[in-house]
Amino acid sequence: MFKSYWISISFGLAALFLVISFAKLYLAFADASHLLIIHFDPFRGIDFLGDKSDAFGIAWTGVSILLTNLLLAWGFFDRLSILSKFLAVATAALSALILLAVSVIIRIN
């Protein structure tokens, strides 16, 4: 898709992180009907409760960011390839953070 191998690898890695996030969420909360702890503060305790759609919403936000950045990187590649590389790396880093957040939510619940 891209002329640069590293941009393709970065977006592929971001997509892989998001697929792992969805798989972990599905395996953990497929049959959950109770409220889930979405945010926990060590000083104040539980601040935000939600259901499984809120947990999946975190991963869907990552997918929308991935698609937006992919289109922007594809559009800017011929003019500003450094911006495309930055978008690719930032998307992979953000997807890794989403995977970390999903893992913490699963661990808390």
PDB file of N, CA and C in Angstrom:
ATOM      1  N   MET A   1       0.820  -1.187   0.000  1.00  0.00           N
ATOM      2  CA  MET A   1       0.000   0.000   0.000  1.00  0.00           C
ATOM      3  C   MET A   1       0.865   1.253   0.000  1.00  0.00           C
ATOM      4  N   PHE A   2       1.796   1.343   0.927  1.00  0.00           N
ATOM      5  CA  PHE A   2       2.696   2.486   0.977  1.00  0.00           C
ATOM      6  C   PHE A   2       4.012   2.122   0.318  1.00  0.00           C
ATOM      7  N   LYS A   3       4.701   3.128  -0.148  1.00  0.00           N
ATOM      8  CA  LYS A   3       6.020   2.892  -0.728  1.00  0.00           C
ATOM      9  C   LYS A   3       7.041   2.624   0.351  1.00  0.00           C
ATOM     10  N   SER A   4       6.756   3.074   1.561  1.00  0.00           N
ATOM     11  CA  SER A   4       7.668   2.874   2.672  1.00  0.00           C
ATOM     12  C   SER A   4       7.279   1.610   3.447  1.00  0.00           C
ATOM     13  N   TYR A   5       8.240   0.753   3.633  1.00  0.00           N
ATOM     14  CA  TYR A   5       8.031  -0.497   4.348  1.00  0.00           C
ATOM     15  C   TYR A   5       7.701  -0.241   5.812  1.00  0.00           C
ATOM     16  N   TRP A   6       8.347   0.751   6.416  1.00  0.00           N
ATOM     17  CA  TRP A   6       8.176   1.013   7.850  1.00  0.00           C
ATOM     18  C   TRP A   6       6.802   1.573   8.174  1.00  0.00           C
ATOM     19  N   ILE A   7       6.242   2.345   7.280  1.00  0.00           N
ATOM     20  CA  ILE A   7       4.892   2.856   7.510  1.00  0.00           C
ATOM     21  C   ILE A   7       3.888   1.709   7.479  1.00  0.00           C
ATOM     22  N   SER A   8       4.036   0.819   6.533  1.00  0.00           N
ATOM     23  CA  SER A   8       3.145  -0.343   6.460  1.00  0.00           C
ATOM     24  C   SER A   8       3.279  -1.222   7.691  1.00  0.00           C
ATOM     25  N   ILE A   9       4.510  -1.425   8.154  1.00  0.00           N
ATOM     26  CA  ILE A   9       4.732  -2.235   9.355  1.00  0.00           C
ATOM     27  C   ILE A   9       4.109  -1.567  10.576  1.00  0.00           C
ATOM     28  N   SER A  10       4.250  -0.253  10.693  1.00  0.00           N
ATOM     29  CA  SER A  10       3.697   0.456  11.845  1.00  0.00           C
ATOM     30  C   SER A  10       2.169   0.383  11.874  1.00  0.00           C
ATOM     31  N   PHE A  11       1.527   0.593  10.743  1.00  0.00           N
ATOM     32  CA  PHE A  11       0.069   0.491  10.710  1.00  0.00           C
ATOM     33  C   PHE A  11      -0.390  -0.957  10.898  1.00  0.00           C
ATOM     34  N   GLY A  12       0.362  -1.899  10.380  1.00  0.00           N
ATOM     35  CA  GLY A  12       0.034  -3.302  10.613  1.00  0.00           C
ATOM     36  C   GLY A  12       0.148  -3.680  12.075  1.00  0.00           C
ATOM     37  N   LEU A  13       1.170  -3.177  12.741  1.00  0.00           N
ATOM     38  CA  LEU A  13       1.337  -3.418  14.173  1.00  0.00           C
ATOM     39  C   LEU A  13       0.205  -2.784  14.969  1.00  0.00           C
ATOM     40  N   ALA A  14      -0.203  -1.581  14.584  1.00  0.00           N
ATOM     41  CA  ALA A  14      -1.327  -0.922  15.249  1.00  0.00           C
ATOM     42  C   ALA A  14      -2.606  -1.736  15.083  1.00  0.00           C
ATOM     43  N   ALA A  15      -2.841  -2.238  13.885  1.00  0.00           N
ATOM     44  CA  ALA A  15      -4.025  -3.065  13.642  1.00  0.00           C
ATOM     45  C   ALA A  15      -3.963  -4.352  14.455  1.00  0.00           C
ATOM     46  N   LEU A  16      -2.785  -4.949  14.561  1.00  0.00           N
ATOM     47  CA  LEU A  16      -2.626  -6.164  15.354  1.00  0.00           C
ATOM     48  C   LEU A  16      -2.927  -5.903  16.828  1.00  0.00           C
ATOM     49  N   PHE A  17      -2.444  -4.783  17.359  1.00  0.00           N
ATOM     50  CA  PHE A  17      -2.738  -4.426  18.757  1.00  0.00           C
ATOM     51  C   PHE A  17      -4.238  -4.268  18.980  1.00  0.00           C
ATOM     52  N   LEU A  18      -4.932  -3.669  18.028  1.00  0.00           N
ATOM     53  CA  LEU A  18      -6.369  -3.477  18.180  1.00  0.00           C
ATOM     54  C   LEU A  18      -7.124  -4.797  18.062  1.00  0.00           C
ATOM     55  N   VAL A  19      -6.679  -5.685  17.201  1.00  0.00           N
ATOM     56  CA  VAL A  19      -7.314  -7.005  17.095  1.00  0.00           C
ATOM     57  C   VAL A  19      -7.124  -7.785  18.395  1.00  0.00           C
ATOM     58  N   ILE A  20      -5.935  -7.705  18.978  1.00  0.00           N
ATOM     59  CA  ILE A  20      -5.690  -8.360  20.266  1.00  0.00           C
ATOM     60  C   ILE A  20      -6.575  -7.749  21.346  1.00  0.00           C
ATOM     61  N   SER A  21      -6.770  -6.426  21.312  1.00  0.00           N
ATOM     62  CA  SER A  21      -7.639  -5.760  22.291  1.00  0.00           C
ATOM     63  C   SER A  21      -9.073  -6.260  22.176  1.00  0.00           C
ATOM     64  N   PHE A  22      -9.586  -6.347  20.949  1.00  0.00           N
ATOM     65  CA  PHE A  22     -10.940  -6.858  20.758  1.00  0.00           C
ATOM     66  C   PHE A  22     -11.056  -8.311  21.213  1.00  0.00           C
ATOM     67  N   ALA A  23     -10.055  -9.118  20.909  1.00  0.00           N
ATOM     68  CA  ALA A  23     -10.095 -10.526  21.308  1.00  0.00           C
ATOM     69  C   ALA A  23     -10.095 -10.667  22.824  1.00  0.00           C
ATOM     70  N   LYS A  24      -9.254  -9.897  23.497  1.00  0.00           N
ATOM     71  CA  LYS A  24      -9.217  -9.953  24.960  1.00  0.00           C
ATOM     72  C   LYS A  24     -10.536  -9.488  25.567  1.00  0.00           C
ATOM     73  N   LEU A  25     -11.105  -8.416  25.027  1.00  0.00           N
ATOM     74  CA  LEU A  25     -12.390  -7.936  25.532  1.00  0.00           C
ATOM     75  C   LEU A  25     -13.492  -8.960  25.312  1.00  0.00           C
ATOM     76  N   TYR A  26     -13.514  -9.559  24.140  1.00  0.00           N
ATOM     77  CA  TYR A  26     -14.559 -10.542  23.850  1.00  0.00           C
ATOM     78  C   TYR A  26     -14.429 -11.759  24.760  1.00  0.00           C
ATOM     79  N   LEU A  27     -13.218 -12.246  24.931  1.00  0.00           N
ATOM     80  CA  LEU A  27     -13.035 -13.422  25.783  1.00  0.00           C
ATOM     81  C   LEU A  27     -13.347 -13.136  27.250  1.00  0.00           C
ATOM     82  N   ALA A  28     -13.097 -11.914  27.682  1.00  0.00           N
ATOM     83  CA  ALA A  28     -13.332 -11.586  29.086  1.00  0.00           C
ATOM     84  C   ALA A  28     -14.782 -11.214  29.370  1.00  0.00           C
ATOM     85  N   PHE A  29     -15.438 -10.515  28.442  1.00  0.00           N
ATOM     86  CA  PHE A  29     -16.750  -9.944  28.736  1.00  0.00           C
ATOM     87  C   PHE A  29     -17.849 -10.375  27.782  1.00  0.00           C
ATOM     88  N   ALA A  30     -17.709 -11.485  27.113  1.00  0.00           N
ATOM     89  CA  ALA A  30     -18.733 -11.903  26.146  1.00  0.00           C
ATOM     90  C   ALA A  30     -20.076 -12.156  26.822  1.00  0.00           C
ATOM     91  N   ASP A  31     -20.067 -12.744  27.999  1.00  0.00           N
ATOM     92  CA  ASP A  31     -21.320 -13.062  28.686  1.00  0.00           C
ATOM     93  C   ASP A  31     -21.538 -12.210  29.931  1.00  0.00           C
ATOM     94  N   ALA A  32     -20.840 -11.095  30.044  1.00  0.00           N
ATOM     95  CA  ALA A  32     -20.968 -10.231  31.224  1.00  0.00           C
ATOM     96  C   ALA A  32     -22.244  -9.399  31.123  1.00  0.00           C
ATOM     97  N   SER A  33     -23.007  -9.396  32.193  1.00  0.00           N
ATOM     98  CA  SER A  33     -24.205  -8.566  32.242  1.00  0.00           C
ATOM     99  C   SER A  33     -24.141  -7.574  33.400  1.00  0.00           C
ATOM    100  N   HIS A  34     -23.087  -7.602  34.159  1.00  0.00           N
ATOM    101  CA  HIS A  34     -22.938  -6.712  35.303  1.00  0.00           C
ATOM    102  C   HIS A  34     -22.166  -5.456  34.907  1.00  0.00           C
ATOM    103  N   LEU A  35     -22.151  -4.487  35.805  1.00  0.00           N
ATOM    104  CA  LEU A  35     -21.396  -3.264  35.548  1.00  0.00           C
ATOM    105  C   LEU A  35     -19.904  -3.548  35.633  1.00  0.00           C
ATOM    106  N   LEU A  36     -19.146  -2.880  34.798  1.00  0.00           N
ATOM    107  CA  LEU A  36     -17.701  -3.034  34.774  1.00  0.00           C
ATOM    108  C   LEU A  36     -17.039  -1.783  35.314  1.00  0.00           C
ATOM    109  N   ILE A  37     -15.901  -1.963  35.947  1.00  0.00           N
ATOM    110  CA  ILE A  37     -15.114  -0.828  36.408  1.00  0.00           C
ATOM    111  C   ILE A  37     -14.294  -0.346  35.221  1.00  0.00           C
ATOM    112  N   ILE A  38     -14.568   0.860  34.769  1.00  0.00           N
ATOM    113  CA  ILE A  38     -13.857   1.420  33.622  1.00  0.00           C
ATOM    114  C   ILE A  38     -12.673   2.263  34.074  1.00  0.00           C
ATOM    115  N   HIS A  39     -12.826   2.983  35.187  1.00  0.00           N
ATOM    116  CA  HIS A  39     -11.725   3.807  35.691  1.00  0.00           C
ATOM    117  C   HIS A  39     -11.644   3.667  37.201  1.00  0.00           C
ATOM    118  N   PHE A  40     -10.415   3.517  37.693  1.00  0.00           N
ATOM    119  CA  PHE A  40     -10.166   3.360  39.123  1.00  0.00           C
ATOM    120  C   PHE A  40      -9.046   4.302  39.520  1.00  0.00           C
ATOM    121  N   ASP A  41      -9.292   5.103  40.531  1.00  0.00           N
ATOM    122  CA  ASP A  41      -8.302   6.031  41.045  1.00  0.00           C
ATOM    123  C   ASP A  41      -7.869   5.530  42.429  1.00  0.00           C
ATOM    124  N   PRO A  42      -6.580   5.380  42.682  1.00  0.00           N
ATOM    125  CA  PRO A  42      -6.160   4.831  43.978  1.00  0.00           C
ATOM    126  C   PRO A  42      -6.515   5.723  45.165  1.00  0.00           C
ATOM    127  N   PHE A  43      -6.733   7.015  44.937  1.00  0.00           N
ATOM    128  CA  PHE A  43      -7.057   7.921  46.036  1.00  0.00           C
ATOM    129  C   PHE A  43      -8.561   7.992  46.292  1.00  0.00           C
ATOM    130  N   ARG A  44      -9.361   8.037  45.230  1.00  0.00           N
ATOM    131  CA  ARG A  44     -10.813   8.175  45.375  1.00  0.00           C
ATOM    132  C   ARG A  44     -11.561   6.883  45.152  1.00  0.00           C
ATOM    133  N   GLY A  45     -10.915   5.860  44.644  1.00  0.00           N
ATOM    134  CA  GLY A  45     -11.584   4.591  44.372  1.00  0.00           C
ATOM    135  C   GLY A  45     -12.163   4.556  42.972  1.00  0.00           C
ATOM    136  N   ILE A  46     -13.289   3.901  42.839  1.00  0.00           N
ATOM    137  CA  ILE A  46     -13.931   3.731  41.535  1.00  0.00           C
ATOM    138  C   ILE A  46     -14.607   5.034  41.135  1.00  0.00           C
ATOM    139  N   ASP A  47     -14.219   5.593  39.989  1.00  0.00           N
ATOM    140  CA  ASP A  47     -14.839   6.835  39.506  1.00  0.00           C
ATOM    141  C   ASP A  47     -15.853   6.592  38.400  1.00  0.00           C
ATOM    142  N   PHE A  48     -15.679   5.557  37.619  1.00  0.00           N
ATOM    143  CA  PHE A  48     -16.528   5.393  36.450  1.00  0.00           C
ATOM    144  C   PHE A  48     -16.883   3.927  36.275  1.00  0.00           C
ATOM    145  N   LEU A  49     -18.177   3.664  36.297  1.00  0.00           N
ATOM    146  CA  LEU A  49     -18.695   2.324  36.020  1.00  0.00           C
ATOM    147  C   LEU A  49     -19.371   2.344  34.658  1.00  0.00           C
ATOM    148  N   GLY A  50     -19.305   1.240  33.977  1.00  0.00           N
ATOM    149  CA  GLY A  50     -19.947   1.145  32.674  1.00  0.00           C
ATOM    150  C   GLY A  50     -20.263  -0.299  32.366  1.00  0.00           C
ATOM    151  N   ASP A  51     -20.815  -0.529  31.217  1.00  0.00           N
ATOM    152  CA  ASP A  51     -21.082  -1.903  30.814  1.00  0.00           C
ATOM    153  C   ASP A  51     -20.097  -2.306  29.722  1.00  0.00           C
ATOM    154  N   LYS A  52     -20.322  -3.478  29.141  1.00  0.00           N
ATOM    155  CA  LYS A  52     -19.330  -3.966  28.181  1.00  0.00           C
ATOM    156  C   LYS A  52     -19.269  -3.129  26.909  1.00  0.00           C
ATOM    157  N   SER A  53     -20.350  -2.414  26.578  1.00  0.00           N
ATOM    158  CA  SER A  53     -20.289  -1.561  25.386  1.00  0.00           C
ATOM    159  C   SER A  53     -19.321  -0.397  25.594  1.00  0.00           C
ATOM    160  N   ASP A  54     -19.185   0.074  26.827  1.00  0.00           N
ATOM    161  CA  ASP A  54     -18.206   1.131  27.100  1.00  0.00           C
ATOM    162  C   ASP A  54     -16.781   0.603  26.960  1.00  0.00           C
ATOM    163  N   ALA A  55     -16.551  -0.629  27.378  1.00  0.00           N
ATOM    164  CA  ALA A  55     -15.221  -1.223  27.232  1.00  0.00           C
ATOM    165  C   ALA A  55     -14.895  -1.444  25.753  1.00  0.00           C
ATOM    166  N   PHE A  56     -15.877  -1.910  24.984  1.00  0.00           N
ATOM    167  CA  PHE A  56     -15.652  -2.078  23.550  1.00  0.00           C
ATOM    168  C   PHE A  56     -15.528  -0.735  22.843  1.00  0.00           C
ATOM    169  N   GLY A  57     -16.134   0.302  23.406  1.00  0.00           N
ATOM    170  CA  GLY A  57     -16.036   1.641  22.834  1.00  0.00           C
ATOM    171  C   GLY A  57     -14.609   2.161  22.826  1.00  0.00           C
ATOM    172  N   ILE A  58     -13.834   1.763  23.821  1.00  0.00           N
ATOM    173  CA  ILE A  58     -12.421   2.153  23.851  1.00  0.00           C
ATOM    174  C   ILE A  58     -11.692   1.581  22.640  1.00  0.00           C
ATOM    175  N   ALA A  59     -11.937   0.322  22.350  1.00  0.00           N
ATOM    176  CA  ALA A  59     -11.287  -0.318  21.205  1.00  0.00           C
ATOM    177  C   ALA A  59     -11.811   0.246  19.883  1.00  0.00           C
ATOM    178  N   TRP A  60     -13.107   0.553  19.808  1.00  0.00           N
ATOM    179  CA  TRP A  60     -13.656   1.139  18.573  1.00  0.00           C
ATOM    180  C   TRP A  60     -13.103   2.534  18.325  1.00  0.00           C
ATOM    181  N   THR A  61     -12.819   3.263  19.404  1.00  0.00           N
ATOM    182  CA  THR A  61     -12.170   4.559  19.244  1.00  0.00           C
ATOM    183  C   THR A  61     -10.794   4.388  18.613  1.00  0.00           C
ATOM    184  N   GLY A  62     -10.072   3.357  19.038  1.00  0.00           N
ATOM    185  CA  GLY A  62      -8.774   3.060  18.440  1.00  0.00           C
ATOM    186  C   GLY A  62      -8.880   2.734  16.962  1.00  0.00           C
ATOM    187  N   VAL A  63      -9.925   2.011  16.579  1.00  0.00           N
ATOM    188  CA  VAL A  63     -10.119   1.675  15.167  1.00  0.00           C
ATOM    189  C   VAL A  63     -10.396   2.936  14.352  1.00  0.00           C
ATOM    190  N   SER A  64     -11.223   3.829  14.888  1.00  0.00           N
ATOM    191  CA  SER A  64     -11.512   5.054  14.140  1.00  0.00           C
ATOM    192  C   SER A  64     -10.265   5.935  14.010  1.00  0.00           C
ATOM    193  N   ILE A  65      -9.438   5.987  15.047  1.00  0.00           N
ATOM    194  CA  ILE A  65      -8.190   6.744  14.963  1.00  0.00           C
ATOM    195  C   ILE A  65      -7.240   6.100  13.953  1.00  0.00           C
ATOM    196  N   LEU A  66      -7.182   4.779  13.947  1.00  0.00           N
ATOM    197  CA  LEU A  66      -6.334   4.067  12.989  1.00  0.00           C
ATOM    198  C   LEU A  66      -6.757   4.377  11.559  1.00  0.00           C
ATOM    199  N   LEU A  67      -8.039   4.305  11.280  1.00  0.00           N
ATOM    200  CA  LEU A  67      -8.510   4.558   9.917  1.00  0.00           C
ATOM    201  C   LEU A  67      -8.291   6.016   9.504  1.00  0.00           C
ATOM    202  N   THR A  68      -8.532   6.941  10.426  1.00  0.00           N
ATOM    203  CA  THR A  68      -8.312   8.354  10.120  1.00  0.00           C
ATOM    204  C   THR A  68      -6.843   8.632   9.823  1.00  0.00           C
ATOM    205  N   ASN A  69      -5.965   8.122  10.679  1.00  0.00           N
ATOM    206  CA  ASN A  69      -4.532   8.348  10.472  1.00  0.00           C
ATOM    207  C   ASN A  69      -4.012   7.632   9.234  1.00  0.00           C
ATOM    208  N   LEU A  70      -4.584   6.485   8.919  1.00  0.00           N
ATOM    209  CA  LEU A  70      -4.184   5.765   7.716  1.00  0.00           C
ATOM    210  C   LEU A  70      -4.538   6.578   6.467  1.00  0.00           C
ATOM    211  N   LEU A  71      -5.726   7.139   6.441  1.00  0.00           N
ATOM    212  CA  LEU A  71      -6.120   7.969   5.296  1.00  0.00           C
ATOM    213  C   LEU A  71      -5.282   9.235   5.214  1.00  0.00           C
ATOM    214  N   LEU A  72      -5.013   9.864   6.354  1.00  0.00           N
ATOM    215  CA  LEU A  72      -4.177  11.059   6.342  1.00  0.00           C
ATOM    216  C   LEU A  72      -2.753  10.745   5.882  1.00  0.00           C
ATOM    217  N   ALA A  73      -2.195   9.651   6.369  1.00  0.00           N
ATOM    218  CA  ALA A  73      -0.834   9.275   5.974  1.00  0.00           C
ATOM    219  C   ALA A  73      -0.771   8.949   4.490  1.00  0.00           C
ATOM    220  N   TRP A  74      -1.792   8.284   3.992  1.00  0.00           N
ATOM    221  CA  TRP A  74      -1.834   7.951   2.563  1.00  0.00           C
ATOM    222  C   TRP A  74      -1.930   9.225   1.717  1.00  0.00           C
ATOM    223  N   GLY A  75      -2.727  10.195   2.184  1.00  0.00           N
ATOM    224  CA  GLY A  75      -2.879  11.444   1.437  1.00  0.00           C
ATOM    225  C   GLY A  75      -1.646  12.330   1.480  1.00  0.00           C
ATOM    226  N   PHE A  76      -0.921  12.320   2.595  1.00  0.00           N
ATOM    227  CA  PHE A  76       0.243  13.184   2.758  1.00  0.00           C
ATOM    228  C   PHE A  76       1.555  12.535   2.321  1.00  0.00           C
ATOM    229  N   PHE A  77       1.541  11.287   1.929  1.00  0.00           N
ATOM    230  CA  PHE A  77       2.801  10.574   1.691  1.00  0.00           C
ATOM    231  C   PHE A  77       3.643  11.211   0.584  1.00  0.00           C
ATOM    232  N   ASP A  78       3.030  11.601  -0.495  1.00  0.00           N
ATOM    233  CA  ASP A  78       3.801  12.164  -1.616  1.00  0.00           C
ATOM    234  C   ASP A  78       4.361  13.549  -1.313  1.00  0.00           C
ATOM    235  N   ARG A  79       3.656  14.323  -0.490  1.00  0.00           N
ATOM    236  CA  ARG A  79       4.112  15.683  -0.184  1.00  0.00           C
ATOM    237  C   ARG A  79       4.977  15.741   1.063  1.00  0.00           C
ATOM    238  N   LEU A  80       4.523  15.124   2.139  1.00  0.00           N
ATOM    239  CA  LEU A  80       5.240  15.168   3.418  1.00  0.00           C
ATOM    240  C   LEU A  80       5.372  13.756   3.965  1.00  0.00           C
ATOM    241  N   SER A  81       6.385  13.044   3.531  1.00  0.00           N
ATOM    242  CA  SER A  81       6.516  11.663   3.973  1.00  0.00           C
ATOM    243  C   SER A  81       6.876  11.567   5.450  1.00  0.00           C
ATOM    244  N   ILE A  82       7.510  12.591   6.011  1.00  0.00           N
ATOM    245  CA  ILE A  82       7.842  12.563   7.431  1.00  0.00           C
ATOM    246  C   ILE A  82       6.575  12.606   8.284  1.00  0.00           C
ATOM    247  N   LEU A  83       5.554  13.329   7.811  1.00  0.00           N
ATOM    248  CA  LEU A  83       4.284  13.367   8.522  1.00  0.00           C
ATOM    249  C   LEU A  83       3.601  12.002   8.476  1.00  0.00           C
ATOM    250  N   SER A  84       3.705  11.324   7.361  1.00  0.00           N
ATOM    251  CA  SER A  84       3.142   9.982   7.250  1.00  0.00           C
ATOM    252  C   SER A  84       3.838   9.026   8.210  1.00  0.00           C
ATOM    253  N   LYS A  85       5.151   9.157   8.315  1.00  0.00           N
ATOM    254  CA  LYS A  85       5.890   8.295   9.246  1.00  0.00           C
ATOM    255  C   LYS A  85       5.524   8.601  10.683  1.00  0.00           C
ATOM    256  N   PHE A  86       5.373   9.892  11.005  1.00  0.00           N
ATOM    257  CA  PHE A  86       4.975  10.267  12.352  1.00  0.00           C
ATOM    258  C   PHE A  86       3.587   9.725  12.692  1.00  0.00           C
ATOM    259  N   LEU A  87       2.641   9.856  11.768  1.00  0.00           N
ATOM    260  CA  LEU A  87       1.293   9.340  11.993  1.00  0.00           C
ATOM    261  C   LEU A  87       1.299   7.828  12.198  1.00  0.00           C
ATOM    262  N   ALA A  88       2.111   7.128  11.442  1.00  0.00           N
ATOM    263  CA  ALA A  88       2.179   5.674  11.562  1.00  0.00           C
ATOM    264  C   ALA A  88       2.723   5.256  12.928  1.00  0.00           C
ATOM    265  N   VAL A  89       3.793   5.884  13.357  1.00  0.00           N
ATOM    266  CA  VAL A  89       4.388   5.538  14.652  1.00  0.00           C
ATOM    267  C   VAL A  89       3.471   5.946  15.795  1.00  0.00           C
ATOM    268  N   ALA A  90       2.852   7.117  15.690  1.00  0.00           N
ATOM    269  CA  ALA A  90       1.944   7.572  16.739  1.00  0.00           C
ATOM    270  C   ALA A  90       0.719   6.662  16.844  1.00  0.00           C
ATOM    271  N   THR A  91       0.230   6.176  15.729  1.00  0.00           N
ATOM    272  CA  THR A  91      -0.913   5.271  15.742  1.00  0.00           C
ATOM    273  C   THR A  91      -0.542   3.943  16.385  1.00  0.00           C
ATOM    274  N   ALA A  92       0.642   3.433  16.094  1.00  0.00           N
ATOM    275  CA  ALA A  92       1.084   2.188  16.729  1.00  0.00           C
ATOM    276  C   ALA A  92       1.249   2.377  18.233  1.00  0.00           C
ATOM    277  N   ALA A  93       1.794   3.515  18.648  1.00  0.00           N
ATOM    278  CA  ALA A  93       1.960   3.775  20.079  1.00  0.00           C
ATOM    279  C   ALA A  93       0.606   3.916  20.767  1.00  0.00           C
ATOM    280  N   LEU A  94      -0.331   4.601  20.131  1.00  0.00           N
ATOM    281  CA  LEU A  94      -1.655   4.757  20.713  1.00  0.00           C
ATOM    282  C   LEU A  94      -2.383   3.419  20.802  1.00  0.00           C
ATOM    283  N   SER A  95      -2.233   2.583  19.807  1.00  0.00           N
ATOM    284  CA  SER A  95      -2.859   1.261  19.843  1.00  0.00           C
ATOM    285  C   SER A  95      -2.262   0.397  20.949  1.00  0.00           C
ATOM    286  N   ALA A  96      -0.960   0.547  21.185  1.00  0.00           N
ATOM    287  CA  ALA A  96      -0.335  -0.173  22.300  1.00  0.00           C
ATOM    288  C   ALA A  96      -0.885   0.322  23.633  1.00  0.00           C
ATOM    289  N   LEU A  97      -1.120   1.626  23.751  1.00  0.00           N
ATOM    290  CA  LEU A  97      -1.712   2.165  24.982  1.00  0.00           C
ATOM    291  C   LEU A  97      -3.152   1.693  25.166  1.00  0.00           C
ATOM    292  N   ILE A  98      -3.898   1.567  24.086  1.00  0.00           N
ATOM    293  CA  ILE A  98      -5.261   1.039  24.173  1.00  0.00           C
ATOM    294  C   ILE A  98      -5.232  -0.418  24.614  1.00  0.00           C
ATOM    295  N   LEU A  99      -4.294  -1.191  24.091  1.00  0.00           N
ATOM    296  CA  LEU A  99      -4.143  -2.578  24.524  1.00  0.00           C
ATOM    297  C   LEU A  99      -3.810  -2.639  26.011  1.00  0.00           C
ATOM    298  N   LEU A 100      -2.959  -1.758  26.478  1.00  0.00           N
ATOM    299  CA  LEU A 100      -2.620  -1.693  27.898  1.00  0.00           C
ATOM    300  C   LEU A 100      -3.843  -1.320  28.733  1.00  0.00           C
ATOM    301  N   ALA A 101      -4.623  -0.344  28.283  1.00  0.00           N
ATOM    302  CA  ALA A 101      -5.822   0.063  29.017  1.00  0.00           C
ATOM    303  C   ALA A 101      -6.851  -1.061  29.074  1.00  0.00           C
ATOM    304  N   VAL A 102      -7.029  -1.772  27.983  1.00  0.00           N
ATOM    305  CA  VAL A 102      -7.956  -2.893  27.955  1.00  0.00           C
ATOM    306  C   VAL A 102      -7.488  -3.989  28.912  1.00  0.00           C
ATOM    307  N   SER A 103      -6.196  -4.242  28.936  1.00  0.00           N
ATOM    308  CA  SER A 103      -5.660  -5.255  29.847  1.00  0.00           C
ATOM    309  C   SER A 103      -5.887  -4.870  31.305  1.00  0.00           C
ATOM    310  N   VAL A 104      -5.742  -3.586  31.616  1.00  0.00           N
ATOM    311  CA  VAL A 104      -5.978  -3.121  32.993  1.00  0.00           C
ATOM    312  C   VAL A 104      -7.448  -3.230  33.351  1.00  0.00           C
ATOM    313  N   ILE A 105      -8.340  -2.880  32.438  1.00  0.00           N
ATOM    314  CA  ILE A 105      -9.768  -2.994  32.707  1.00  0.00           C
ATOM    315  C   ILE A 105     -10.152  -4.456  32.945  1.00  0.00           C
ATOM    316  N   ILE A 106      -9.600  -5.346  32.164  1.00  0.00           N
ATOM    317  CA  ILE A 106      -9.892  -6.770  32.349  1.00  0.00           C
ATOM    318  C   ILE A 106      -9.338  -7.253  33.682  1.00  0.00           C
ATOM    319  N   ARG A 107      -8.162  -6.827  34.038  1.00  0.00           N
ATOM    320  CA  ARG A 107      -7.535  -7.248  35.299  1.00  0.00           C
ATOM    321  C   ARG A 107      -8.307  -6.729  36.511  1.00  0.00           C
ATOM    322  N   ILE A 108      -8.796  -5.502  36.446  1.00  0.00           N
ATOM    323  CA  ILE A 108      -9.549  -4.938  37.569  1.00  0.00           C
ATOM    324  C   ILE A 108     -10.866  -5.676  37.760  1.00  0.00           C
ATOM    325  N   ASN A 109     -11.509  -6.028  36.666  1.00  0.00           N
ATOM    326  CA  ASN A 109     -12.802  -6.684  36.771  1.00  0.00           C
ATOM    327  C   ASN A 109     -12.612  -8.172  36.973  1.00  0.00           C
TER     328      ASN A 109
END
